[in-house]
Amino acid sequence: GRHFVYRISLAWDASARDPTLTRIGVFAQPALDADRTTFVAAADSF
């Protein structure tokens, strides 16, 4: 619905990027308050 609405930001690991692949960008992450951020480090299994 209209409550859980989020905008996506993607952060790419630049060290793994081939300089010739210019179509893939490295985006800056938005400034976040660590105390008010949910970090999901453990992936769910299929």
ModelCIF file with pLDDT and N, C-alpha, C, O atoms, coordinates in Angstrom:
data_MODEL
#
_entry.id   MODEL 
#
_entity.id                         1 
_entity.type                       polymer 
_entity.pdbx_number_of_molecules   1 
#
_entity_poly.entity_id                      1 
_entity_poly.type                           'polypeptide(L)' 
_entity_poly.nstd_linkage                   no 
_entity_poly.nstd_monomer                   no 
_entity_poly.pdbx_seq_one_letter_code       GRHFVYRISLAWDASARDPTLTRIGVFAQPALDADRTTFVAAADSF 
_entity_poly.pdbx_seq_one_letter_code_can   GRHFVYRISLAWDASARDPTLTRIGVFAQPALDADRTTFVAAADSF 
_entity_poly.pdbx_strand_id                 A 
#
loop_
_entity_poly_seq.entity_id 
_entity_poly_seq.num 
_entity_poly_seq.mon_id 
_entity_poly_seq.hetero 
1 1  GLY n 
1 2  ARG n 
1 3  HIS n 
1 4  PHE n 
1 5  VAL n 
1 6  TYR n 
1 7  ARG n 
1 8  ILE n 
1 9  SER n 
1 10 LEU n 
1 11 ALA n 
1 12 TRP n 
1 13 ASP n 
1 14 ALA n 
1 15 SER n 
1 16 ALA n 
1 17 ARG n 
1 18 ASP n 
1 19 PRO n 
1 20 THR n 
1 21 LEU n 
1 22 THR n 
1 23 ARG n 
1 24 ILE n 
1 25 GLY n 
1 26 VAL n 
1 27 PHE n 
1 28 ALA n 
1 29 GLN n 
1 30 PRO n 
1 31 ALA n 
1 32 LEU n 
1 33 ASP n 
1 34 ALA n 
1 35 ASP n 
1 36 ARG n 
1 37 THR n 
1 38 THR n 
1 39 PHE n 
1 40 VAL n 
1 41 ALA n 
1 42 ALA n 
1 43 ALA n 
1 44 ASP n 
1 45 SER n 
1 46 PHE n 
#
_struct_asym.id          A 
_struct_asym.entity_id   1 
#
loop_
_ma_qa_metric.id 
_ma_qa_metric.mode 
_ma_qa_metric.name 
_ma_qa_metric.software_group_id 
_ma_qa_metric.type 
1 global pLDDT . pLDDT 
2 local  pLDDT . pLDDT 
#
_ma_qa_metric_global.metric_id      1 
_ma_qa_metric_global.metric_value   68.54 
_ma_qa_metric_global.model_id       1 
_ma_qa_metric_global.ordinal_id     1 
#
loop_
_ma_qa_metric_local.label_asym_id 
_ma_qa_metric_local.label_comp_id 
_ma_qa_metric_local.label_seq_id 
_ma_qa_metric_local.metric_id 
_ma_qa_metric_local.metric_value 
_ma_qa_metric_local.model_id 
_ma_qa_metric_local.ordinal_id 
A GLY 1  2 87.00 1 1  
A ARG 2  2 89.00 1 2  
A HIS 3  2 92.00 1 3  
A PHE 4  2 95.00 1 4  
A VAL 5  2 95.00 1 5  
A TYR 6  2 96.00 1 6  
A ARG 7  2 96.00 1 7  
A ILE 8  2 97.00 1 8  
A SER 9  2 96.00 1 9  
A LEU 10 2 96.00 1 10 
A ALA 11 2 95.00 1 11 
A TRP 12 2 92.00 1 12 
A ASP 13 2 85.00 1 13 
A ALA 14 2 67.00 1 14 
A SER 15 2 66.00 1 15 
A ALA 16 2 52.00 1 16 
A ARG 17 2 47.00 1 17 
A ASP 18 2 44.00 1 18 
A PRO 19 2 40.00 1 19 
A THR 20 2 36.00 1 20 
A LEU 21 2 36.00 1 21 
A THR 22 2 33.00 1 22 
A ARG 23 2 34.00 1 23 
A ILE 24 2 34.00 1 24 
A GLY 25 2 35.00 1 25 
A VAL 26 2 36.00 1 26 
A PHE 27 2 39.00 1 27 
A ALA 28 2 44.00 1 28 
A GLN 29 2 50.00 1 29 
A PRO 30 2 54.00 1 30 
A ALA 31 2 58.00 1 31 
A LEU 32 2 64.00 1 32 
A ASP 33 2 65.00 1 33 
A ALA 34 2 62.00 1 34 
A ASP 35 2 64.00 1 35 
A ARG 36 2 71.00 1 36 
A THR 37 2 76.00 1 37 
A THR 38 2 78.00 1 38 
A PHE 39 2 79.00 1 39 
A VAL 40 2 82.00 1 40 
A ALA 41 2 73.00 1 41 
A ALA 42 2 74.00 1 42 
A ALA 43 2 79.00 1 43 
A ASP 44 2 84.00 1 44 
A SER 45 2 92.00 1 45 
A PHE 46 2 94.00 1 46 
#
loop_
_atom_site.group_PDB 
_atom_site.id 
_atom_site.type_symbol 
_atom_site.label_atom_id 
_atom_site.label_alt_id 
_atom_site.label_comp_id 
_atom_site.label_asym_id 
_atom_site.label_entity_id 
_atom_site.label_seq_id 
_atom_site.pdbx_PDB_ins_code 
_atom_site.Cartn_x 
_atom_site.Cartn_y 
_atom_site.Cartn_z 
_atom_site.occupancy 
_atom_site.B_iso_or_equiv 
_atom_site.pdbx_formal_charge 
_atom_site.auth_seq_id 
_atom_site.auth_comp_id 
_atom_site.auth_asym_id 
_atom_site.auth_atom_id 
_atom_site.pdbx_PDB_model_num 
ATOM 1   N N  . GLY A 1 1  ? 0.807  -1.221  0.000   1.00 87.00 ? 1  GLY A N  1 
ATOM 2   C CA . GLY A 1 1  ? 0.000  0.000   0.000   1.00 87.00 ? 1  GLY A CA 1 
ATOM 3   C C  . GLY A 1 1  ? 0.832  1.260   0.000   1.00 87.00 ? 1  GLY A C  1 
ATOM 4   O O  . GLY A 1 1  ? 1.833  1.361   -0.710  1.00 87.00 ? 1  GLY A O  1 
ATOM 5   N N  . ARG A 1 2  ? 0.406  2.231   0.811   1.00 89.00 ? 2  ARG A N  1 
ATOM 6   C CA . ARG A 1 2  ? 1.003  3.568   0.751   1.00 89.00 ? 2  ARG A CA 1 
ATOM 7   C C  . ARG A 1 2  ? 1.878  3.915   1.952   1.00 89.00 ? 2  ARG A C  1 
ATOM 8   O O  . ARG A 1 2  ? 2.372  5.037   2.054   1.00 89.00 ? 2  ARG A O  1 
ATOM 9   N N  . HIS A 1 3  ? 2.072  2.964   2.860   1.00 92.00 ? 3  HIS A N  1 
ATOM 10  C CA . HIS A 1 3  ? 2.839  3.273   4.075   1.00 92.00 ? 3  HIS A CA 1 
ATOM 11  C C  . HIS A 1 3  ? 4.295  2.853   3.945   1.00 92.00 ? 3  HIS A C  1 
ATOM 12  O O  . HIS A 1 3  ? 5.191  3.670   4.159   1.00 92.00 ? 3  HIS A O  1 
ATOM 13  N N  . PHE A 1 4  ? 4.548  1.597   3.599   1.00 95.00 ? 4  PHE A N  1 
ATOM 14  C CA . PHE A 1 4  ? 5.922  1.096   3.476   1.00 95.00 ? 4  PHE A CA 1 
ATOM 15  C C  . PHE A 1 4  ? 6.417  1.403   2.065   1.00 95.00 ? 4  PHE A C  1 
ATOM 16  O O  . PHE A 1 4  ? 6.398  0.548   1.179   1.00 95.00 ? 4  PHE A O  1 
ATOM 17  N N  . VAL A 1 5  ? 6.854  2.631   1.884   1.00 95.00 ? 5  VAL A N  1 
ATOM 18  C CA . VAL A 1 5  ? 7.293  3.136   0.580   1.00 95.00 ? 5  VAL A CA 1 
ATOM 19  C C  . VAL A 1 5  ? 8.742  3.597   0.703   1.00 95.00 ? 5  VAL A C  1 
ATOM 20  O O  . VAL A 1 5  ? 9.068  4.388   1.589   1.00 95.00 ? 5  VAL A O  1 
ATOM 21  N N  . TYR A 1 6  ? 9.605  3.111   -0.173  1.00 96.00 ? 6  TYR A N  1 
ATOM 22  C CA . TYR A 1 6  ? 11.037 3.381   -0.078  1.00 96.00 ? 6  TYR A CA 1 
ATOM 23  C C  . TYR A 1 6  ? 11.611 3.717   -1.455  1.00 96.00 ? 6  TYR A C  1 
ATOM 24  O O  . TYR A 1 6  ? 11.138 3.236   -2.486  1.00 96.00 ? 6  TYR A O  1 
ATOM 25  N N  . ARG A 1 7  ? 12.648 4.558   -1.435  1.00 96.00 ? 7  ARG A N  1 
ATOM 26  C CA . ARG A 1 7  ? 13.421 4.836   -2.651  1.00 96.00 ? 7  ARG A CA 1 
ATOM 27  C C  . ARG A 1 7  ? 14.732 4.066   -2.572  1.00 96.00 ? 7  ARG A C  1 
ATOM 28  O O  . ARG A 1 7  ? 15.369 4.013   -1.520  1.00 96.00 ? 7  ARG A O  1 
ATOM 29  N N  . ILE A 1 8  ? 15.129 3.474   -3.688  1.00 97.00 ? 8  ILE A N  1 
ATOM 30  C CA . ILE A 1 8  ? 16.306 2.601   -3.733  1.00 97.00 ? 8  ILE A CA 1 
ATOM 31  C C  . ILE A 1 8  ? 17.573 3.394   -4.029  1.00 97.00 ? 8  ILE A C  1 
ATOM 32  O O  . ILE A 1 8  ? 17.596 4.259   -4.905  1.00 97.00 ? 8  ILE A O  1 
ATOM 33  N N  . SER A 1 9  ? 18.625 3.080   -3.279  1.00 96.00 ? 9  SER A N  1 
ATOM 34  C CA . SER A 1 9  ? 19.982 3.550   -3.589  1.00 96.00 ? 9  SER A CA 1 
ATOM 35  C C  . SER A 1 9  ? 20.879 2.319   -3.659  1.00 96.00 ? 9  SER A C  1 
ATOM 36  O O  . SER A 1 9  ? 20.855 1.478   -2.760  1.00 96.00 ? 9  SER A O  1 
ATOM 37  N N  . LEU A 1 10 ? 21.665 2.212   -4.718  1.00 96.00 ? 10 LEU A N  1 
ATOM 38  C CA . LEU A 1 10 ? 22.544 1.070   -4.915  1.00 96.00 ? 10 LEU A CA 1 
ATOM 39  C C  . LEU A 1 10 ? 23.995 1.501   -4.762  1.00 96.00 ? 10 LEU A C  1 
ATOM 40  O O  . LEU A 1 10 ? 24.413 2.501   -5.347  1.00 96.00 ? 10 LEU A O  1 
ATOM 41  N N  . ALA A 1 11 ? 24.758 0.759   -3.984  1.00 95.00 ? 11 ALA A N  1 
ATOM 42  C CA . ALA A 1 11 ? 26.186 1.028   -3.818  1.00 95.00 ? 11 ALA A CA 1 
ATOM 43  C C  . ALA A 1 11 ? 26.959 -0.127  -4.426  1.00 95.00 ? 11 ALA A C  1 
ATOM 44  O O  . ALA A 1 11 ? 26.804 -1.280  -4.023  1.00 95.00 ? 11 ALA A O  1 
ATOM 45  N N  . TRP A 1 12 ? 27.798 0.201   -5.408  1.00 92.00 ? 12 TRP A N  1 
ATOM 46  C CA . TRP A 1 12 ? 28.572 -0.818  -6.105  1.00 92.00 ? 12 TRP A CA 1 
ATOM 47  C C  . TRP A 1 12 ? 30.017 -0.799  -5.625  1.00 92.00 ? 12 TRP A C  1 
ATOM 48  O O  . TRP A 1 12 ? 30.561 0.258   -5.306  1.00 92.00 ? 12 TRP A O  1 
ATOM 49  N N  . ASP A 1 13 ? 30.628 -1.964  -5.577  1.00 85.00 ? 13 ASP A N  1 
ATOM 50  C CA . ASP A 1 13 ? 32.024 -2.103  -5.174  1.00 85.00 ? 13 ASP A CA 1 
ATOM 51  C C  . ASP A 1 13 ? 32.900 -1.712  -6.358  1.00 85.00 ? 13 ASP A C  1 
ATOM 52  O O  . ASP A 1 13 ? 33.058 -2.482  -7.306  1.00 85.00 ? 13 ASP A O  1 
ATOM 53  N N  . ALA A 1 14 ? 33.470 -0.508  -6.294  1.00 67.00 ? 14 ALA A N  1 
ATOM 54  C CA . ALA A 1 14 ? 34.250 0.002   -7.421  1.00 67.00 ? 14 ALA A CA 1 
ATOM 55  C C  . ALA A 1 14 ? 35.512 -0.803  -7.655  1.00 67.00 ? 14 ALA A C  1 
ATOM 56  O O  . ALA A 1 14 ? 36.006 -0.845  -8.782  1.00 67.00 ? 14 ALA A O  1 
ATOM 57  N N  . SER A 1 15 ? 36.055 -1.449  -6.620  1.00 66.00 ? 15 SER A N  1 
ATOM 58  C CA . SER A 1 15 ? 37.309 -2.187  -6.772  1.00 66.00 ? 15 SER A CA 1 
ATOM 59  C C  . SER A 1 15 ? 37.154 -3.385  -7.692  1.00 66.00 ? 15 SER A C  1 
ATOM 60  O O  . SER A 1 15 ? 38.137 -3.888  -8.235  1.00 66.00 ? 15 SER A O  1 
ATOM 61  N N  . ALA A 1 16 ? 35.896 -3.852  -7.873  1.00 52.00 ? 16 ALA A N  1 
ATOM 62  C CA . ALA A 1 16 ? 35.675 -5.013  -8.729  1.00 52.00 ? 16 ALA A CA 1 
ATOM 63  C C  . ALA A 1 16 ? 35.262 -4.620  -10.138 1.00 52.00 ? 16 ALA A C  1 
ATOM 64  O O  . ALA A 1 16 ? 34.899 -5.472  -10.949 1.00 52.00 ? 16 ALA A O  1 
ATOM 65  N N  . ARG A 1 17 ? 35.319 -3.338  -10.423 1.00 47.00 ? 17 ARG A N  1 
ATOM 66  C CA . ARG A 1 17 ? 34.810 -2.869  -11.707 1.00 47.00 ? 17 ARG A CA 1 
ATOM 67  C C  . ARG A 1 17 ? 35.911 -2.756  -12.749 1.00 47.00 ? 17 ARG A C  1 
ATOM 68  O O  . ARG A 1 17 ? 37.005 -2.271  -12.461 1.00 47.00 ? 17 ARG A O  1 
ATOM 69  N N  . ASP A 1 18 ? 35.619 -3.200  -13.943 1.00 44.00 ? 18 ASP A N  1 
ATOM 70  C CA . ASP A 1 18 ? 36.500 -3.018  -15.081 1.00 44.00 ? 18 ASP A CA 1 
ATOM 71  C C  . ASP A 1 18 ? 36.339 -1.583  -15.571 1.00 44.00 ? 18 ASP A C  1 
ATOM 72  O O  . ASP A 1 18 ? 35.213 -1.170  -15.852 1.00 44.00 ? 18 ASP A O  1 
ATOM 73  N N  . PRO A 1 19 ? 37.434 -0.792  -15.688 1.00 40.00 ? 19 PRO A N  1 
ATOM 74  C CA . PRO A 1 19 ? 37.309 0.605   -16.109 1.00 40.00 ? 19 PRO A CA 1 
ATOM 75  C C  . PRO A 1 19 ? 36.613 0.779   -17.449 1.00 40.00 ? 19 PRO A C  1 
ATOM 76  O O  . PRO A 1 19 ? 36.095 1.856   -17.745 1.00 40.00 ? 19 PRO A O  1 
ATOM 77  N N  . THR A 1 20 ? 36.596 -0.283  -18.269 1.00 36.00 ? 20 THR A N  1 
ATOM 78  C CA . THR A 1 20 ? 35.945 -0.147  -19.569 1.00 36.00 ? 20 THR A CA 1 
ATOM 79  C C  . THR A 1 20 ? 34.428 -0.255  -19.478 1.00 36.00 ? 20 THR A C  1 
ATOM 80  O O  . THR A 1 20 ? 33.722 0.079   -20.429 1.00 36.00 ? 20 THR A O  1 
ATOM 81  N N  . LEU A 1 21 ? 33.915 -0.733  -18.309 1.00 36.00 ? 21 LEU A N  1 
ATOM 82  C CA . LEU A 1 21 ? 32.467 -0.893  -18.168 1.00 36.00 ? 21 LEU A CA 1 
ATOM 83  C C  . LEU A 1 21 ? 31.863 0.399   -17.622 1.00 36.00 ? 21 LEU A C  1 
ATOM 84  O O  . LEU A 1 21 ? 31.524 0.490   -16.443 1.00 36.00 ? 21 LEU A O  1 
ATOM 85  N N  . THR A 1 22 ? 31.737 1.374   -18.482 1.00 33.00 ? 22 THR A N  1 
ATOM 86  C CA . THR A 1 22 ? 31.265 2.684   -18.040 1.00 33.00 ? 22 THR A CA 1 
ATOM 87  C C  . THR A 1 22 ? 29.763 2.720   -17.798 1.00 33.00 ? 22 THR A C  1 
ATOM 88  O O  . THR A 1 22 ? 29.253 3.688   -17.234 1.00 33.00 ? 22 THR A O  1 
ATOM 89  N N  . ARG A 1 23 ? 29.046 1.679   -18.216 1.00 34.00 ? 23 ARG A N  1 
ATOM 90  C CA . ARG A 1 23 ? 27.600 1.717   -18.065 1.00 34.00 ? 23 ARG A CA 1 
ATOM 91  C C  . ARG A 1 23 ? 27.185 1.460   -16.617 1.00 34.00 ? 23 ARG A C  1 
ATOM 92  O O  . ARG A 1 23 ? 26.042 1.731   -16.250 1.00 34.00 ? 23 ARG A O  1 
ATOM 93  N N  . ILE A 1 24 ? 28.086 0.949   -15.798 1.00 34.00 ? 24 ILE A N  1 
ATOM 94  C CA . ILE A 1 24 ? 27.758 0.670   -14.406 1.00 34.00 ? 24 ILE A CA 1 
ATOM 95  C C  . ILE A 1 24 ? 28.316 1.784   -13.539 1.00 34.00 ? 24 ILE A C  1 
ATOM 96  O O  . ILE A 1 24 ? 29.524 2.024   -13.538 1.00 34.00 ? 24 ILE A O  1 
ATOM 97  N N  . GLY A 1 25 ? 27.466 2.455   -12.814 1.00 35.00 ? 25 GLY A N  1 
ATOM 98  C CA . GLY A 1 25 ? 27.907 3.567   -11.984 1.00 35.00 ? 25 GLY A CA 1 
ATOM 99  C C  . GLY A 1 25 ? 28.128 3.165   -10.548 1.00 35.00 ? 25 GLY A C  1 
ATOM 100 O O  . GLY A 1 25 ? 27.660 2.110   -10.120 1.00 35.00 ? 25 GLY A O  1 
ATOM 101 N N  . VAL A 1 26 ? 28.828 3.982   -9.800  1.00 36.00 ? 26 VAL A N  1 
ATOM 102 C CA . VAL A 1 26 ? 29.018 3.804   -8.368  1.00 36.00 ? 26 VAL A CA 1 
ATOM 103 C C  . VAL A 1 26 ? 28.292 4.949   -7.693  1.00 36.00 ? 26 VAL A C  1 
ATOM 104 O O  . VAL A 1 26 ? 28.675 6.110   -7.842  1.00 36.00 ? 26 VAL A O  1 
ATOM 105 N N  . PHE A 1 27 ? 27.240 4.626   -6.949  1.00 39.00 ? 27 PHE A N  1 
ATOM 106 C CA . PHE A 1 27 ? 26.374 5.640   -6.387  1.00 39.00 ? 27 PHE A CA 1 
ATOM 107 C C  . PHE A 1 27 ? 26.722 5.891   -4.924  1.00 39.00 ? 27 PHE A C  1 
ATOM 108 O O  . PHE A 1 27 ? 27.017 4.961   -4.174  1.00 39.00 ? 27 PHE A O  1 
ATOM 109 N N  . ALA A 1 28 ? 26.684 7.137   -4.540  1.00 44.00 ? 28 ALA A N  1 
ATOM 110 C CA . ALA A 1 28 ? 26.955 7.499   -3.156  1.00 44.00 ? 28 ALA A CA 1 
ATOM 111 C C  . ALA A 1 28 ? 25.752 7.139   -2.289  1.00 44.00 ? 28 ALA A C  1 
ATOM 112 O O  . ALA A 1 28 ? 24.613 7.420   -2.661  1.00 44.00 ? 28 ALA A O  1 
ATOM 113 N N  . GLN A 1 29 ? 25.998 6.524   -1.150  1.00 50.00 ? 29 GLN A N  1 
ATOM 114 C CA . GLN A 1 29 ? 24.926 6.187   -0.248  1.00 50.00 ? 29 GLN A CA 1 
ATOM 115 C C  . GLN A 1 29 ? 24.430 7.446   0.457   1.00 50.00 ? 29 GLN A C  1 
ATOM 116 O O  . GLN A 1 29 ? 25.229 8.335   0.752   1.00 50.00 ? 29 GLN A O  1 
ATOM 117 N N  . PRO A 1 30 ? 23.128 7.543   0.735   1.00 54.00 ? 30 PRO A N  1 
ATOM 118 C CA . PRO A 1 30 ? 22.621 8.697   1.472   1.00 54.00 ? 30 PRO A CA 1 
ATOM 119 C C  . PRO A 1 30 ? 23.141 8.693   2.896   1.00 54.00 ? 30 PRO A C  1 
ATOM 120 O O  . PRO A 1 30 ? 23.432 7.636   3.457   1.00 54.00 ? 30 PRO A O  1 
ATOM 121 N N  . ALA A 1 31 ? 23.257 9.869   3.477   1.00 58.00 ? 31 ALA A N  1 
ATOM 122 C CA . ALA A 1 31 ? 23.692 9.971   4.871   1.00 58.00 ? 31 ALA A CA 1 
ATOM 123 C C  . ALA A 1 31 ? 22.617 9.366   5.759   1.00 58.00 ? 31 ALA A C  1 
ATOM 124 O O  . ALA A 1 31 ? 21.450 9.750   5.681   1.00 58.00 ? 31 ALA A O  1 
ATOM 125 N N  . LEU A 1 32 ? 23.014 8.416   6.609   1.00 64.00 ? 32 LEU A N  1 
ATOM 126 C CA . LEU A 1 32 ? 22.053 7.712   7.448   1.00 64.00 ? 32 LEU A CA 1 
ATOM 127 C C  . LEU A 1 32 ? 22.453 7.805   8.903   1.00 64.00 ? 32 LEU A C  1 
ATOM 128 O O  . LEU A 1 32 ? 23.639 7.793   9.231   1.00 64.00 ? 32 LEU A O  1 
ATOM 129 N N  . ASP A 1 33 ? 21.464 7.899   9.774   1.00 65.00 ? 33 ASP A N  1 
ATOM 130 C CA . ASP A 1 33 ? 21.675 7.846   11.205  1.00 65.00 ? 33 ASP A CA 1 
ATOM 131 C C  . ASP A 1 33 ? 21.722 6.370   11.593  1.00 65.00 ? 33 ASP A C  1 
ATOM 132 O O  . ASP A 1 33 ? 20.714 5.669   11.503  1.00 65.00 ? 33 ASP A O  1 
ATOM 133 N N  . ALA A 1 34 ? 22.892 5.901   12.024  1.00 62.00 ? 34 ALA A N  1 
ATOM 134 C CA . ALA A 1 34 ? 23.060 4.481   12.326  1.00 62.00 ? 34 ALA A CA 1 
ATOM 135 C C  . ALA A 1 34 ? 22.108 4.002   13.407  1.00 62.00 ? 34 ALA A C  1 
ATOM 136 O O  . ALA A 1 34 ? 21.730 2.831   13.425  1.00 62.00 ? 34 ALA A O  1 
ATOM 137 N N  . ASP A 1 35 ? 21.715 4.895   14.313  1.00 64.00 ? 35 ASP A N  1 
ATOM 138 C CA . ASP A 1 35 ? 20.801 4.504   15.379  1.00 64.00 ? 35 ASP A CA 1 
ATOM 139 C C  . ASP A 1 35 ? 19.369 4.354   14.884  1.00 64.00 ? 35 ASP A C  1 
ATOM 140 O O  . ASP A 1 35 ? 18.535 3.758   15.566  1.00 64.00 ? 35 ASP A O  1 
ATOM 141 N N  . ARG A 1 36 ? 19.080 4.889   13.710  1.00 71.00 ? 36 ARG A N  1 
ATOM 142 C CA . ARG A 1 36 ? 17.728 4.808   13.162  1.00 71.00 ? 36 ARG A CA 1 
ATOM 143 C C  . ARG A 1 36 ? 17.740 4.123   11.796  1.00 71.00 ? 36 ARG A C  1 
ATOM 144 O O  . ARG A 1 36 ? 16.968 4.472   10.902  1.00 71.00 ? 36 ARG A O  1 
ATOM 145 N N  . THR A 1 37 ? 18.634 3.140   11.654  1.00 76.00 ? 37 THR A N  1 
ATOM 146 C CA . THR A 1 37 ? 18.743 2.400   10.410  1.00 76.00 ? 37 THR A CA 1 
ATOM 147 C C  . THR A 1 37 ? 18.717 0.904   10.706  1.00 76.00 ? 37 THR A C  1 
ATOM 148 O O  . THR A 1 37 ? 19.378 0.435   11.632  1.00 76.00 ? 37 THR A O  1 
ATOM 149 N N  . THR A 1 38 ? 17.963 0.172   9.926   1.00 78.00 ? 38 THR A N  1 
ATOM 150 C CA . THR A 1 38 ? 17.924 -1.282  10.060  1.00 78.00 ? 38 THR A CA 1 
ATOM 151 C C  . THR A 1 38 ? 18.926 -1.883  9.088   1.00 78.00 ? 38 THR A C  1 
ATOM 152 O O  . THR A 1 38 ? 18.760 -1.774  7.874   1.00 78.00 ? 38 THR A O  1 
ATOM 153 N N  . PHE A 1 39 ? 19.968 -2.518  9.619   1.00 79.00 ? 39 PHE A N  1 
ATOM 154 C CA . PHE A 1 39 ? 20.981 -3.152  8.784   1.00 79.00 ? 39 PHE A CA 1 
ATOM 155 C C  . PHE A 1 39 ? 20.668 -4.649  8.682   1.00 79.00 ? 39 PHE A C  1 
ATOM 156 O O  . PHE A 1 39 ? 20.583 -5.343  9.695   1.00 79.00 ? 39 PHE A O  1 
ATOM 157 N N  . VAL A 1 40 ? 20.500 -5.132  7.463   1.00 82.00 ? 40 VAL A N  1 
ATOM 158 C CA . VAL A 1 40 ? 20.186 -6.531  7.226   1.00 82.00 ? 40 VAL A CA 1 
ATOM 159 C C  . VAL A 1 40 ? 21.426 -7.190  6.657   1.00 82.00 ? 40 VAL A C  1 
ATOM 160 O O  . VAL A 1 40 ? 21.690 -7.102  5.458   1.00 82.00 ? 40 VAL A O  1 
ATOM 161 N N  . ALA A 1 41 ? 22.186 -7.848  7.517   1.00 73.00 ? 41 ALA A N  1 
ATOM 162 C CA . ALA A 1 41 ? 23.443 -8.448  7.097   1.00 73.00 ? 41 ALA A CA 1 
ATOM 163 C C  . ALA A 1 41 ? 23.302 -9.942  6.837   1.00 73.00 ? 41 ALA A C  1 
ATOM 164 O O  . ALA A 1 41 ? 24.119 -10.516 6.117   1.00 73.00 ? 41 ALA A O  1 
ATOM 165 N N  . ALA A 1 42 ? 22.282 -10.585 7.408   1.00 74.00 ? 42 ALA A N  1 
ATOM 166 C CA . ALA A 1 42 ? 22.086 -12.022 7.235   1.00 74.00 ? 42 ALA A CA 1 
ATOM 167 C C  . ALA A 1 42 ? 20.986 -12.249 6.213   1.00 74.00 ? 42 ALA A C  1 
ATOM 168 O O  . ALA A 1 42 ? 19.836 -11.864 6.424   1.00 74.00 ? 42 ALA A O  1 
ATOM 169 N N  . ALA A 1 43 ? 21.350 -12.878 5.104   1.00 79.00 ? 43 ALA A N  1 
ATOM 170 C CA . ALA A 1 43 ? 20.376 -13.092 4.037   1.00 79.00 ? 43 ALA A CA 1 
ATOM 171 C C  . ALA A 1 43 ? 19.424 -14.225 4.386   1.00 79.00 ? 43 ALA A C  1 
ATOM 172 O O  . ALA A 1 43 ? 19.799 -15.182 5.063   1.00 79.00 ? 43 ALA A O  1 
ATOM 173 N N  . ASP A 1 44 ? 18.199 -14.104 3.917   1.00 84.00 ? 44 ASP A N  1 
ATOM 174 C CA . ASP A 1 44 ? 17.273 -15.222 3.990   1.00 84.00 ? 44 ASP A CA 1 
ATOM 175 C C  . ASP A 1 44 ? 17.704 -16.261 2.954   1.00 84.00 ? 44 ASP A C  1 
ATOM 176 O O  . ASP A 1 44 ? 18.343 -15.940 1.952   1.00 84.00 ? 44 ASP A O  1 
ATOM 177 N N  . SER A 1 45 ? 17.341 -17.495 3.220   1.00 92.00 ? 45 SER A N  1 
ATOM 178 C CA . SER A 1 45 ? 17.630 -18.581 2.294   1.00 92.00 ? 45 SER A CA 1 
ATOM 179 C C  . SER A 1 45 ? 16.462 -18.739 1.331   1.00 92.00 ? 45 SER A C  1 
ATOM 180 O O  . SER A 1 45 ? 15.313 -18.515 1.710   1.00 92.00 ? 45 SER A O  1 
ATOM 181 N N  . PHE A 1 46 ? 16.749 -19.126 0.074   1.00 94.00 ? 46 PHE A N  1 
ATOM 182 C CA . PHE A 1 46 ? 15.663 -19.463 -0.839  1.00 94.00 ? 46 PHE A CA 1 
ATOM 183 C C  . PHE A 1 46 ? 14.806 -20.577 -0.241  1.00 94.00 ? 46 PHE A C  1 
ATOM 184 O O  . PHE A 1 46 ? 13.833 -21.007 -0.861  1.00 94.00 ? 46 PHE A O  1 
#
